[in-house]
């Protein structure tokens, strides 16, 4: 049974002067999902989060969170949402414990529950060792953990995290990842990042943005089950491509995205096959044409491949 939607975005548009940062973005998020918002820098991720949390008005369209319009009812939204912006501002003159108690009061945590709320987030984020330290003296990693802690104080139904593992060491990244995973099904989480591996490990569903456009609301549903080969072949690029495309059972073949088409080679190629048995035919064709086969591997349908396919198609469409 599908859970009710907690976030509904309807044709969101945002302009910064003459620059169009969001271009009619629509999506919905159900209760309990962990959503990864993925895209390169400048794709519109942070803009969506700022509109969603009531900090920024849309230029067009609307977004509703928990039944409330995010811009018309900002106070309701801020009680409903725990938000950690990128480079979250903190009060440097306050001690960690003081700051967390102060934030708990602002978020409406009952007076008799503040100590328990602060203790809970300090345990989750390993802050007991710095609870009496002035925030201005903390390392960037500890500052990020304090920002995460304040977002969790009132146990919000929706947690919004913009680059939450910035400046954390490997051990801390694993801790934050496990914390977010532990919220699955209990709270709804939106995590924005440009790091594919982090999103892939965290999210139950991935949305991909590019240049203010939503390329997909479910990246992994976009992956093809068609067998694909990644080949490294020594030979003239055009001639190798022609050979691959003429081989029976090869649906399509292209130079890999990272291949320098002006280089003398060898080159990397990706070929889609009608079925796995075509691999032997490809190998025979390479050898019979006198090219050197330097590498051959089945390419998995992971998030990186889906991301590259979608962004390449979008780039080609924009150029056309």
Protein backbone atom coordinates (compact mmCIF):
# COMPACT_ATOMS: atom_id res chain seq x y z
CA UNK A 1 0.00 0.00 0.00
CA UNK A 2 1.45 3.35 -1.06
CA UNK A 3 2.04 5.84 1.73
CA UNK A 4 0.46 9.31 1.43
CA UNK A 5 2.55 12.05 -0.17
CA UNK A 6 4.30 14.36 2.26
CA UNK A 7 5.76 16.66 -0.44
CA UNK A 8 4.08 17.70 -3.68
CA UNK A 9 5.89 20.06 -6.07
CA UNK A 10 3.89 21.45 -8.98
CA UNK A 11 5.78 23.05 -11.89
CA UNK A 12 8.29 24.91 -9.72
CA UNK A 13 10.02 27.81 -11.43
CA UNK A 14 12.73 30.01 -9.95
CA UNK A 15 14.45 32.96 -11.61
CA UNK A 16 17.46 34.85 -10.32
CA UNK A 17 17.31 37.92 -12.50
CA UNK A 18 17.70 36.70 -16.07
CA UNK A 19 18.92 33.25 -15.01
CA UNK A 20 16.35 30.47 -14.87
CA UNK A 21 17.39 28.20 -11.99
CA UNK A 22 14.33 25.90 -12.00
CA UNK A 23 12.36 25.09 -15.15
CA UNK A 24 8.92 23.73 -14.23
CA UNK A 25 10.01 20.98 -11.82
CA UNK A 26 7.26 18.62 -10.56
CA UNK A 27 7.56 15.63 -8.22
CA UNK A 28 6.02 14.01 -5.14
CA UNK A 29 7.55 12.28 -2.12
CA UNK A 30 5.74 9.71 0.02
CA UNK A 31 6.00 9.34 3.78
CA UNK A 32 8.97 7.25 4.89
CA UNK A 33 11.01 7.56 1.69
CA UNK A 34 14.69 8.49 1.62
CA UNK A 35 15.05 10.58 -1.50
CA UNK A 36 18.38 11.35 -3.11
CA UNK A 37 18.49 14.63 -5.03
CA UNK A 38 21.44 14.31 -7.37
CA UNK A 39 22.98 16.71 -9.82
CA UNK A 40 26.10 18.72 -10.62
CA UNK A 41 26.77 22.03 -8.91
CA UNK A 42 24.34 24.65 -10.21
CA UNK A 43 21.67 22.12 -11.20
CA UNK A 44 19.04 23.57 -8.82
CA UNK A 45 19.25 21.18 -5.85
CA UNK A 46 19.75 23.81 -3.15
CA UNK A 47 17.15 26.09 -4.74
CA UNK A 48 14.50 23.36 -4.46
CA UNK A 49 15.39 22.75 -0.82
CA UNK A 50 15.23 26.45 0.05
CA UNK A 51 11.79 26.76 -1.55
CA UNK A 52 10.61 23.56 0.13
CA UNK A 53 11.68 24.80 3.57
CA UNK A 54 10.06 28.21 3.16
CA UNK A 55 13.26 30.25 2.94
CA UNK A 56 12.87 31.24 -0.70
CA UNK A 57 9.75 32.11 -2.74
CA UNK A 58 9.16 30.38 -6.07
CA UNK A 59 8.85 32.51 -9.20
CA UNK A 60 6.12 30.17 -10.41
CA UNK A 61 4.40 26.96 -9.41
CA UNK A 62 4.03 25.79 -5.81
CA UNK A 63 5.22 23.18 -3.34
CA UNK A 64 3.19 21.73 -0.48
CA UNK A 65 4.72 20.05 2.55
CA UNK A 66 2.48 18.15 4.95
CA UNK A 67 -0.53 19.81 3.33
CA UNK A 68 0.83 23.38 3.73
CA UNK A 69 2.01 25.71 1.00
CA UNK A 70 5.69 26.19 1.77
CA UNK A 71 5.71 29.93 1.06
CA UNK A 72 2.29 30.90 2.40
CA UNK A 73 2.72 29.02 5.70
CA UNK A 74 6.47 29.19 6.51
CA UNK A 75 6.10 28.82 10.30
CA UNK A 76 4.11 25.59 9.97
CA UNK A 77 6.70 24.31 7.52
CA UNK A 78 9.63 25.09 9.83
CA UNK A 79 7.99 23.19 12.68
CA UNK A 80 7.38 20.28 10.34
CA UNK A 81 10.83 20.16 8.73
CA UNK A 82 14.34 19.67 10.09
CA UNK A 83 16.71 21.48 7.74
CA UNK A 84 20.48 21.37 7.40
CA UNK A 85 21.61 23.76 4.64
CA UNK A 86 25.04 23.50 3.09
CA UNK A 87 27.50 25.39 5.36
CA UNK A 88 24.77 25.74 8.00
CA UNK A 89 25.08 28.96 10.06
CA UNK A 90 25.65 28.41 13.78
CA UNK A 91 26.04 30.70 16.81
CA UNK A 92 29.81 30.61 17.34
CA UNK A 93 29.70 32.26 20.79
CA UNK A 94 27.44 29.58 22.29
CA UNK A 95 28.50 26.26 23.72
CA UNK A 96 27.19 23.18 21.94
CA UNK A 97 24.84 22.18 24.76
CA UNK A 98 23.53 25.73 25.16
CA UNK A 99 22.91 26.02 21.44
CA UNK A 100 21.02 22.74 21.27
CA UNK A 101 18.81 23.68 24.25
CA UNK A 102 18.15 27.08 22.66
CA UNK A 103 17.20 25.45 19.35
CA UNK A 104 14.95 22.95 21.12
CA UNK A 105 13.03 25.84 22.69
CA UNK A 106 12.67 27.58 19.32
CA UNK A 107 11.39 24.36 17.75
CA UNK A 108 8.70 24.03 20.43
CA UNK A 109 10.06 21.05 22.33
CA UNK A 110 8.21 20.96 25.69
CA UNK A 111 10.32 22.29 28.57
CA UNK A 112 10.26 18.96 30.40
CA UNK A 113 11.49 17.17 27.26
CA UNK A 114 14.39 19.43 26.26
CA UNK A 115 17.08 17.62 28.26
CA UNK A 116 16.04 14.25 26.84
CA UNK A 117 15.95 15.65 23.28
CA UNK A 118 19.44 17.13 23.61
CA UNK A 119 20.79 13.93 25.14
CA UNK A 120 19.29 11.88 22.31
CA UNK A 121 20.90 13.89 19.50
CA UNK A 122 24.24 14.09 21.34
CA UNK A 123 24.27 10.29 21.55
CA UNK A 124 23.24 9.80 17.93
CA UNK A 125 25.94 12.17 16.64
CA UNK A 126 28.67 11.51 19.23
CA UNK A 127 28.69 15.08 20.60
CA UNK A 128 29.15 14.39 24.33
CA UNK A 129 32.86 15.13 24.12
CA UNK A 130 32.23 18.70 22.88
CA UNK A 131 28.94 19.54 24.57
CA UNK A 132 30.63 22.25 26.72
CA UNK A 133 32.89 23.55 23.94
CA UNK A 134 32.19 26.90 22.25
CA UNK A 135 30.93 26.28 18.70
CA UNK A 136 33.44 28.75 17.24
CA UNK A 137 36.26 26.47 18.41
CA UNK A 138 34.92 23.34 16.73
CA UNK A 139 36.38 21.71 13.64
CA UNK A 140 34.29 21.83 10.49
CA UNK A 141 33.34 18.19 10.94
CA UNK A 142 31.99 18.77 14.44
CA UNK A 143 30.14 21.88 13.25
CA UNK A 144 28.38 19.74 10.65
CA UNK A 145 27.38 17.26 13.33
CA UNK A 146 25.97 20.06 15.49
CA UNK A 147 23.95 21.28 12.51
CA UNK A 148 22.57 17.78 12.00
CA UNK A 149 21.78 17.51 15.72
CA UNK A 150 19.68 20.69 15.80
CA UNK A 151 17.64 19.44 12.83
CA UNK A 152 16.71 16.26 14.72
CA UNK A 153 15.80 17.86 18.07
CA UNK A 154 12.02 17.95 17.62
CA UNK A 155 11.84 14.65 15.73
CA UNK A 156 10.46 16.32 12.55
CA UNK A 157 8.40 14.27 10.07
CA UNK A 158 10.61 15.56 7.23
CA UNK A 159 14.39 15.91 7.33
CA UNK A 160 16.06 17.96 4.58
CA UNK A 161 19.84 17.64 4.23
CA UNK A 162 21.94 19.64 1.76
CA UNK A 163 25.37 17.98 1.34
CA UNK A 164 25.19 16.50 4.88
CA UNK A 165 28.59 14.74 4.78
CA UNK A 166 30.60 17.80 3.75
CA UNK A 167 33.84 18.05 5.76
CA UNK A 168 33.25 14.78 7.62
CA UNK A 169 35.97 12.16 7.80
CA UNK A 170 35.35 8.60 6.61
CA UNK A 171 34.30 7.35 10.05
CA UNK A 172 31.86 10.24 10.51
CA UNK A 173 30.43 9.76 7.00
CA UNK A 174 29.64 6.13 7.84
CA UNK A 175 27.98 7.24 11.09
CA UNK A 176 25.77 9.81 9.35
CA UNK A 177 24.90 7.29 6.65
CA UNK A 178 23.78 4.74 9.24
CA UNK A 179 21.80 7.43 11.08
CA UNK A 180 19.91 8.35 7.90
CA UNK A 181 19.30 4.72 6.98
CA UNK A 182 17.89 4.15 10.45
CA UNK A 183 15.24 6.79 9.78
CA UNK A 184 13.83 4.91 6.76
CA UNK A 185 10.12 4.27 7.24
CA UNK A 186 10.01 6.46 10.37
CA UNK A 187 10.80 9.86 8.90
CA UNK A 188 10.95 11.15 5.37
CA UNK A 189 14.43 12.29 4.33
CA UNK A 190 15.61 14.35 1.36
CA UNK A 191 19.37 14.29 0.80
CA UNK A 192 20.91 16.56 -1.84
CA UNK A 193 24.40 15.79 -3.06
CA UNK A 194 26.65 15.78 -6.12
CA UNK A 195 28.41 12.61 -4.86
CA UNK A 196 26.89 9.61 -6.66
CA UNK A 197 28.29 6.96 -4.33
CA UNK A 198 26.80 8.59 -1.23
CA UNK A 199 23.36 8.93 -2.80
CA UNK A 200 23.45 5.35 -4.09
CA UNK A 201 24.20 4.03 -0.60
CA UNK A 202 21.54 6.12 1.13
CA UNK A 203 18.49 6.64 -1.02
CA UNK A 204 15.47 4.45 -1.67
CA UNK A 205 14.72 6.61 -4.73
CA UNK A 206 16.92 9.02 -6.67
CA UNK A 207 15.89 12.17 -8.55
CA UNK A 208 18.37 13.69 -11.00
CA UNK A 209 18.55 17.39 -11.86
CA UNK A 210 20.48 19.11 -14.60
CA UNK A 211 20.43 22.83 -15.38
CA UNK A 212 17.18 23.38 -13.46
CA UNK A 213 15.33 20.49 -15.10
CA UNK A 214 14.25 17.23 -13.46
CA UNK A 215 15.59 14.50 -15.74
CA UNK A 216 13.96 11.70 -13.76
CA UNK A 217 12.10 11.24 -10.47
CA UNK A 218 13.30 7.62 -10.17
CA UNK A 219 16.74 7.13 -11.65
CA UNK A 220 17.06 3.43 -11.02
CA UNK A 221 13.77 2.75 -12.79
CA UNK A 222 15.41 4.30 -15.85
CA UNK A 223 18.09 1.68 -16.09
CA UNK A 224 17.91 -0.73 -18.98
CA UNK A 225 18.22 -4.46 -18.54
CA UNK A 226 19.88 -4.68 -21.97
CA UNK A 227 23.35 -6.30 -21.61
CA UNK A 228 26.15 -3.78 -22.05
CA UNK A 229 29.86 -4.22 -22.65
CA UNK A 230 32.65 -1.78 -21.93
CA UNK A 231 35.56 -2.39 -24.30
CA UNK A 232 39.02 -0.90 -24.62
CA UNK A 233 40.20 -1.29 -28.21
CA UNK A 234 43.35 -0.18 -30.02
CA UNK A 235 42.48 1.10 -33.48
CA UNK A 236 41.11 4.13 -35.34
CA UNK A 237 38.07 5.38 -33.44
CA UNK A 238 35.74 5.72 -36.46
CA UNK A 239 36.74 2.34 -37.86
CA UNK A 240 36.24 0.56 -34.54
CA UNK A 241 32.84 2.20 -34.08
CA UNK A 242 31.77 1.14 -37.57
CA UNK A 243 32.90 -2.43 -36.89
CA UNK A 244 31.00 -2.61 -33.58
CA UNK A 245 27.82 -1.18 -35.07
CA UNK A 246 27.92 -3.66 -37.97
CA UNK A 247 28.35 -6.69 -35.70
CA UNK A 248 25.21 -8.87 -35.54
CA UNK A 249 23.47 -8.60 -32.18
CA UNK A 250 24.88 -5.17 -31.28
CA UNK A 251 21.96 -2.76 -30.80
CA UNK A 252 24.12 0.33 -30.56
CA UNK A 253 27.73 1.28 -29.85
CA UNK A 254 29.36 4.56 -28.89
CA UNK A 255 32.62 5.90 -27.58
CA UNK A 256 32.54 6.08 -23.78
CA UNK A 257 31.79 9.51 -22.33
CA UNK A 258 35.33 10.01 -21.05
CA UNK A 259 37.04 9.07 -24.32
CA UNK A 260 39.08 11.79 -26.03
CA UNK A 261 37.98 11.44 -29.64
CA UNK A 262 41.03 13.38 -30.85
CA UNK A 263 43.51 11.07 -29.15
CA UNK A 264 45.34 8.40 -31.15
CA UNK A 265 44.03 5.62 -28.88
CA UNK A 266 43.39 3.12 -27.54
CA UNK A 267 39.76 4.15 -26.97
CA UNK A 268 36.96 3.09 -24.63
CA UNK A 269 33.60 1.98 -26.06
CA UNK A 270 30.20 0.94 -24.73
CA UNK A 271 28.09 -1.54 -26.70
CA UNK A 272 24.48 -2.61 -26.01
CA UNK A 273 23.73 -6.23 -26.96
CA UNK A 274 20.56 -8.12 -27.82
CA UNK A 275 21.58 -10.88 -25.41
CA UNK A 276 24.73 -11.88 -23.46
CA UNK A 277 25.76 -14.47 -26.07
CA UNK A 278 26.64 -11.67 -28.51
CA UNK A 279 29.81 -11.01 -26.49
CA UNK A 280 31.67 -13.80 -28.29
CA UNK A 281 30.66 -12.35 -31.68
CA UNK A 282 31.99 -8.94 -30.64
CA UNK A 283 35.34 -10.43 -29.60
CA UNK A 284 35.66 -12.33 -32.90
CA UNK A 285 34.83 -9.19 -34.87
CA UNK A 286 37.48 -7.13 -33.08
CA UNK A 287 40.17 -9.75 -33.69
CA UNK A 288 39.19 -10.44 -37.31
CA UNK A 289 39.45 -6.74 -38.15
CA UNK A 290 42.97 -6.61 -36.73
CA UNK A 291 42.19 -4.36 -33.80
CA UNK A 292 43.70 -4.91 -30.36
CA UNK A 293 41.26 -5.91 -27.61
CA UNK A 294 42.84 -4.52 -24.43
CA UNK A 295 39.86 -4.70 -22.08
CA UNK A 296 36.40 -6.25 -21.86
CA UNK A 297 33.90 -6.03 -19.01
CA UNK A 298 30.16 -6.26 -18.48
CA UNK A 299 28.87 -2.89 -17.37
CA UNK A 300 26.47 -2.94 -14.43
CA UNK A 301 23.31 -0.83 -14.41
CA UNK A 302 24.42 1.29 -11.46
CA UNK A 303 23.54 4.87 -10.64
CA UNK A 304 26.65 6.23 -12.36
CA UNK A 305 25.66 4.65 -15.65
CA UNK A 306 22.07 5.91 -15.36
CA UNK A 307 23.31 9.41 -14.47
CA UNK A 308 25.69 9.53 -17.44
CA UNK A 309 23.07 8.20 -19.85
CA UNK A 310 20.44 10.73 -18.76
CA UNK A 311 22.76 13.73 -18.72
CA UNK A 312 24.28 12.80 -22.08
CA UNK A 313 20.82 12.48 -23.65
CA UNK A 314 19.83 15.85 -22.15
CA UNK A 315 23.00 17.47 -23.49
CA UNK A 316 22.41 16.03 -26.96
CA UNK A 317 18.76 17.18 -26.92
CA UNK A 318 19.77 20.70 -25.87
CA UNK A 319 22.37 20.86 -28.66
CA UNK A 320 19.81 19.66 -31.21
